Amino acid sequence: MADGGAVAGIDEALVARASGGDTRAFERLYREHVGRVHGLCLRMARDAQLAEDYTQETFIRAWRALDRFEARSQVSTWLHRIAVNVVLERRRRRELPVEYVEDAAEYDRDNDTFDTPVEEAELEATIASLPPGARDVLTLCGIYGYAHGEAAAMLGIAEGTCKAQLHRARALVRARLESGVGR
């Protein structure tokens, strides 16, 4: 998997075969991407059962939309966008508010680091304790590596809001880790 272009080409070929009705090709796409899609859903939902449901819904929607996939983006990006849409739609149905910070003027720093190493479980618990808006942006930008513009488009927010949310999330994570909250 060292060559991302080759992987993208294989994924595109699998999508083409699956859109023609080849269920084995879709099963392979599923196996290749289900882990990261589930991880994204789990981080955004903070609930294992909901994450399972959202992951299933993501792949059901992907199956139905195979003929509309355009190779302008990678299959993984397309699946992540579907997953984000599923989580946000379901969250709205459950009427869980999402807070977004609007002023991004002072938040253009993308190189925040922690002063001390932390255990993965402690970090995951801390991320899970964040407000949904901050957690979503941190998940997409900080964990999955999406650019602010891509994450903002997925979440339906302004790019400046995305930057502010990432800064807010990082500050909250740092403060909670230093104070021991989220353990």
Protein backbone atom coordinates (compact mmCIF):
# COMPACT_ATOMS: atom_id res chain seq x y z
CA MET A 1 0.00 0.00 0.00
CA ALA A 2 2.97 2.32 -0.35
CA ASP A 3 1.66 3.64 -3.65
CA GLY A 4 -1.52 5.62 -2.98
CA GLY A 5 -2.13 6.02 -6.72
CA ALA A 6 -2.20 2.27 -7.25
CA VAL A 7 -4.60 1.81 -4.36
CA ALA A 8 -6.85 4.56 -5.72
CA GLY A 9 -6.77 2.87 -9.14
CA ILE A 10 -7.74 -0.48 -7.63
CA ASP A 11 -10.56 1.18 -5.67
CA GLU A 12 -11.84 2.90 -8.82
CA ALA A 13 -11.79 -0.40 -10.70
CA LEU A 14 -13.69 -2.05 -7.83
CA VAL A 15 -16.27 0.75 -7.88
CA ALA A 16 -16.71 0.32 -11.63
CA ARG A 17 -17.21 -3.43 -11.25
CA ALA A 18 -19.52 -3.02 -8.25
CA SER A 19 -21.65 -0.42 -10.05
CA GLY A 20 -22.15 -3.05 -12.73
CA GLY A 21 -23.60 -5.38 -10.11
CA ASP A 22 -20.48 -7.25 -8.98
CA THR A 23 -21.20 -7.78 -5.27
CA ARG A 24 -17.80 -9.37 -4.69
CA ALA A 25 -16.12 -6.16 -5.80
CA PHE A 26 -18.28 -4.20 -3.37
CA GLU A 27 -17.47 -6.69 -0.59
CA ARG A 28 -13.78 -6.05 -1.21
CA LEU A 29 -14.34 -2.29 -1.04
CA TYR A 30 -16.23 -2.84 2.18
CA ARG A 31 -13.43 -4.92 3.71
CA GLU A 32 -10.81 -2.36 2.65
CA HIS A 33 -12.65 0.64 4.10
CA VAL A 34 -14.97 -0.53 6.88
CA GLY A 35 -12.39 -0.08 9.64
CA ARG A 36 -11.69 3.58 8.97
CA VAL A 37 -15.35 4.36 8.25
CA HIS A 38 -16.36 2.70 11.52
CA GLY A 39 -13.62 4.55 13.39
CA LEU A 40 -14.86 7.85 11.98
CA CYS A 41 -18.46 7.04 12.95
CA LEU A 42 -17.40 5.89 16.41
CA ARG A 43 -15.41 9.05 17.09
CA MET A 44 -18.23 11.27 15.91
CA ALA A 45 -21.07 9.34 17.59
CA ARG A 46 -19.30 8.29 20.82
CA ASP A 47 -21.55 5.24 20.95
CA ALA A 48 -20.53 1.79 19.68
CA GLN A 49 -24.05 0.71 18.68
CA LEU A 50 -24.76 3.97 16.87
CA ALA A 51 -21.39 3.72 15.12
CA GLU A 52 -22.30 0.23 13.89
CA ASP A 53 -25.62 1.53 12.59
CA TYR A 54 -24.00 4.54 10.94
CA THR A 55 -21.34 2.36 9.33
CA GLN A 56 -23.98 0.05 7.88
CA GLU A 57 -26.00 3.01 6.64
CA THR A 58 -22.87 4.47 5.04
CA PHE A 59 -22.22 1.34 3.01
CA ILE A 60 -25.89 0.95 2.08
CA ARG A 61 -25.87 4.51 0.73
CA ALA A 62 -22.57 3.89 -1.03
CA TRP A 63 -23.98 0.78 -2.72
CA ARG A 64 -26.99 2.78 -3.93
CA ALA A 65 -24.80 5.65 -5.15
CA LEU A 66 -22.05 3.68 -6.90
CA ASP A 67 -23.16 4.87 -10.31
CA ARG A 68 -22.79 8.49 -9.15
CA PHE A 69 -19.21 8.10 -7.86
CA GLU A 70 -16.85 10.34 -9.80
CA ALA A 71 -13.15 9.69 -9.61
CA ARG A 72 -12.42 13.33 -8.71
CA SER A 73 -11.77 12.13 -5.17
CA GLN A 74 -10.57 8.90 -3.64
CA VAL A 75 -13.09 6.24 -2.70
CA SER A 76 -12.07 6.64 0.96
CA THR A 77 -12.86 10.38 0.84
CA TRP A 78 -16.22 9.65 -0.81
CA LEU A 79 -17.08 7.05 1.85
CA HIS A 80 -16.00 9.38 4.66
CA ARG A 81 -18.21 12.12 3.27
CA ILE A 82 -21.16 9.73 3.18
CA ALA A 83 -20.39 8.67 6.77
CA VAL A 84 -20.21 12.26 7.98
CA ASN A 85 -23.55 12.98 6.30
CA VAL A 86 -25.11 9.93 7.95
CA VAL A 87 -23.85 10.91 11.41
CA LEU A 88 -24.93 14.54 11.03
CA GLU A 89 -28.38 13.59 9.69
CA ARG A 90 -28.96 11.13 12.51
CA ARG A 91 -27.65 13.61 15.06
CA ARG A 92 -30.13 16.22 13.80
CA ARG A 93 -32.94 13.69 14.07
CA ARG A 94 -31.96 13.05 17.67
CA GLU A 95 -31.78 16.85 18.10
CA LEU A 96 -28.34 16.90 19.62
CA PRO A 97 -27.00 20.46 19.33
CA VAL A 98 -23.62 21.09 17.77
CA GLU A 99 -21.72 24.20 18.79
CA TYR A 100 -19.37 25.82 16.30
CA VAL A 101 -17.02 28.67 17.13
CA GLU A 102 -17.32 31.40 14.51
CA ASP A 103 -14.27 33.67 15.00
CA ALA A 104 -11.24 32.05 13.39
CA ALA A 105 -9.05 35.14 13.05
CA GLU A 106 -6.59 34.13 15.75
CA TYR A 107 -6.73 30.37 15.17
CA ASP A 108 -4.59 29.74 12.11
CA ARG A 109 -1.96 27.72 14.00
CA ASP A 110 -1.96 24.09 12.87
CA ASN A 111 1.07 22.90 14.81
CA ASP A 112 -0.26 22.53 18.34
CA THR A 113 1.55 19.78 20.20
CA PHE A 114 1.26 18.17 23.60
CA ASP A 115 4.00 18.75 26.16
CA THR A 116 3.94 15.19 27.51
CA PRO A 117 3.13 11.81 25.94
CA VAL A 118 -0.30 10.39 26.78
CA GLU A 119 -1.79 6.94 26.59
CA GLU A 120 -4.01 6.26 23.59
CA ALA A 121 -7.00 5.34 25.76
CA GLU A 122 -6.71 8.56 27.73
CA LEU A 123 -6.55 10.58 24.53
CA GLU A 124 -9.55 8.74 23.03
CA ALA A 125 -11.58 9.33 26.19
CA THR A 126 -10.66 12.99 26.13
CA ILE A 127 -11.64 13.35 22.47
CA ALA A 128 -14.92 11.57 23.18
CA SER A 129 -15.67 14.11 25.92
CA LEU A 130 -15.49 17.08 23.52
CA PRO A 131 -18.60 18.92 22.33
CA PRO A 132 -19.80 17.42 19.00
CA GLY A 133 -18.66 20.32 16.78
CA ALA A 134 -15.13 20.37 18.16
CA ARG A 135 -14.92 16.56 18.14
CA ASP A 136 -16.10 16.34 14.51
CA VAL A 137 -13.49 18.81 13.25
CA LEU A 138 -10.71 17.26 15.33
CA THR A 139 -11.65 13.84 14.00
CA LEU A 140 -11.66 14.91 10.36
CA CYS A 141 -8.65 17.27 10.41
CA GLY A 142 -6.53 16.06 13.30
CA ILE A 143 -7.05 12.32 13.04
CA TYR A 144 -8.04 11.63 9.43
CA GLY A 145 -5.88 14.40 7.97
CA TYR A 146 -8.45 16.26 5.90
CA ALA A 147 -7.67 19.87 4.99
CA HIS A 148 -9.84 22.55 6.58
CA GLY A 149 -11.70 23.13 3.31
CA GLU A 150 -12.50 19.43 2.88
CA ALA A 151 -13.65 19.00 6.47
CA ALA A 152 -15.69 22.20 6.33
CA ALA A 153 -17.44 21.00 3.17
CA MET A 154 -18.22 17.62 4.77
CA LEU A 155 -19.64 19.28 7.88
CA GLY A 156 -21.45 22.08 6.05
CA ILE A 157 -19.60 24.87 7.85
CA ALA A 158 -17.31 27.72 6.79
CA GLU A 159 -13.59 27.00 6.51
CA GLY A 160 -12.86 29.68 9.14
CA THR A 161 -15.30 27.98 11.49
CA CYS A 162 -13.49 24.71 10.88
CA LYS A 163 -10.15 26.31 11.78
CA ALA A 164 -11.62 27.84 14.92
CA GLN A 165 -13.19 24.53 15.93
CA LEU A 166 -9.89 22.70 15.46
CA HIS A 167 -8.11 25.24 17.61
CA ARG A 168 -10.87 24.99 20.22
CA ALA A 169 -10.74 21.19 20.18
CA ARG A 170 -6.98 21.13 20.60
CA ALA A 171 -7.14 23.62 23.46
CA LEU A 172 -9.88 21.61 25.19
CA VAL A 173 -7.97 18.36 24.74
CA ARG A 174 -4.80 19.92 26.13
CA ALA A 175 -6.62 21.44 29.12
CA ARG A 176 -8.52 18.23 29.87
CA LEU A 177 -5.42 16.08 29.64
CA GLU A 178 -3.52 18.42 31.91
CA SER A 179 -6.35 18.46 34.46
CA GLY A 180 -7.13 14.75 34.17
CA VAL A 181 -10.70 15.24 32.83
CA GLY A 182 -11.84 12.61 30.31
CA ARG A 183 -10.07 9.71 31.94
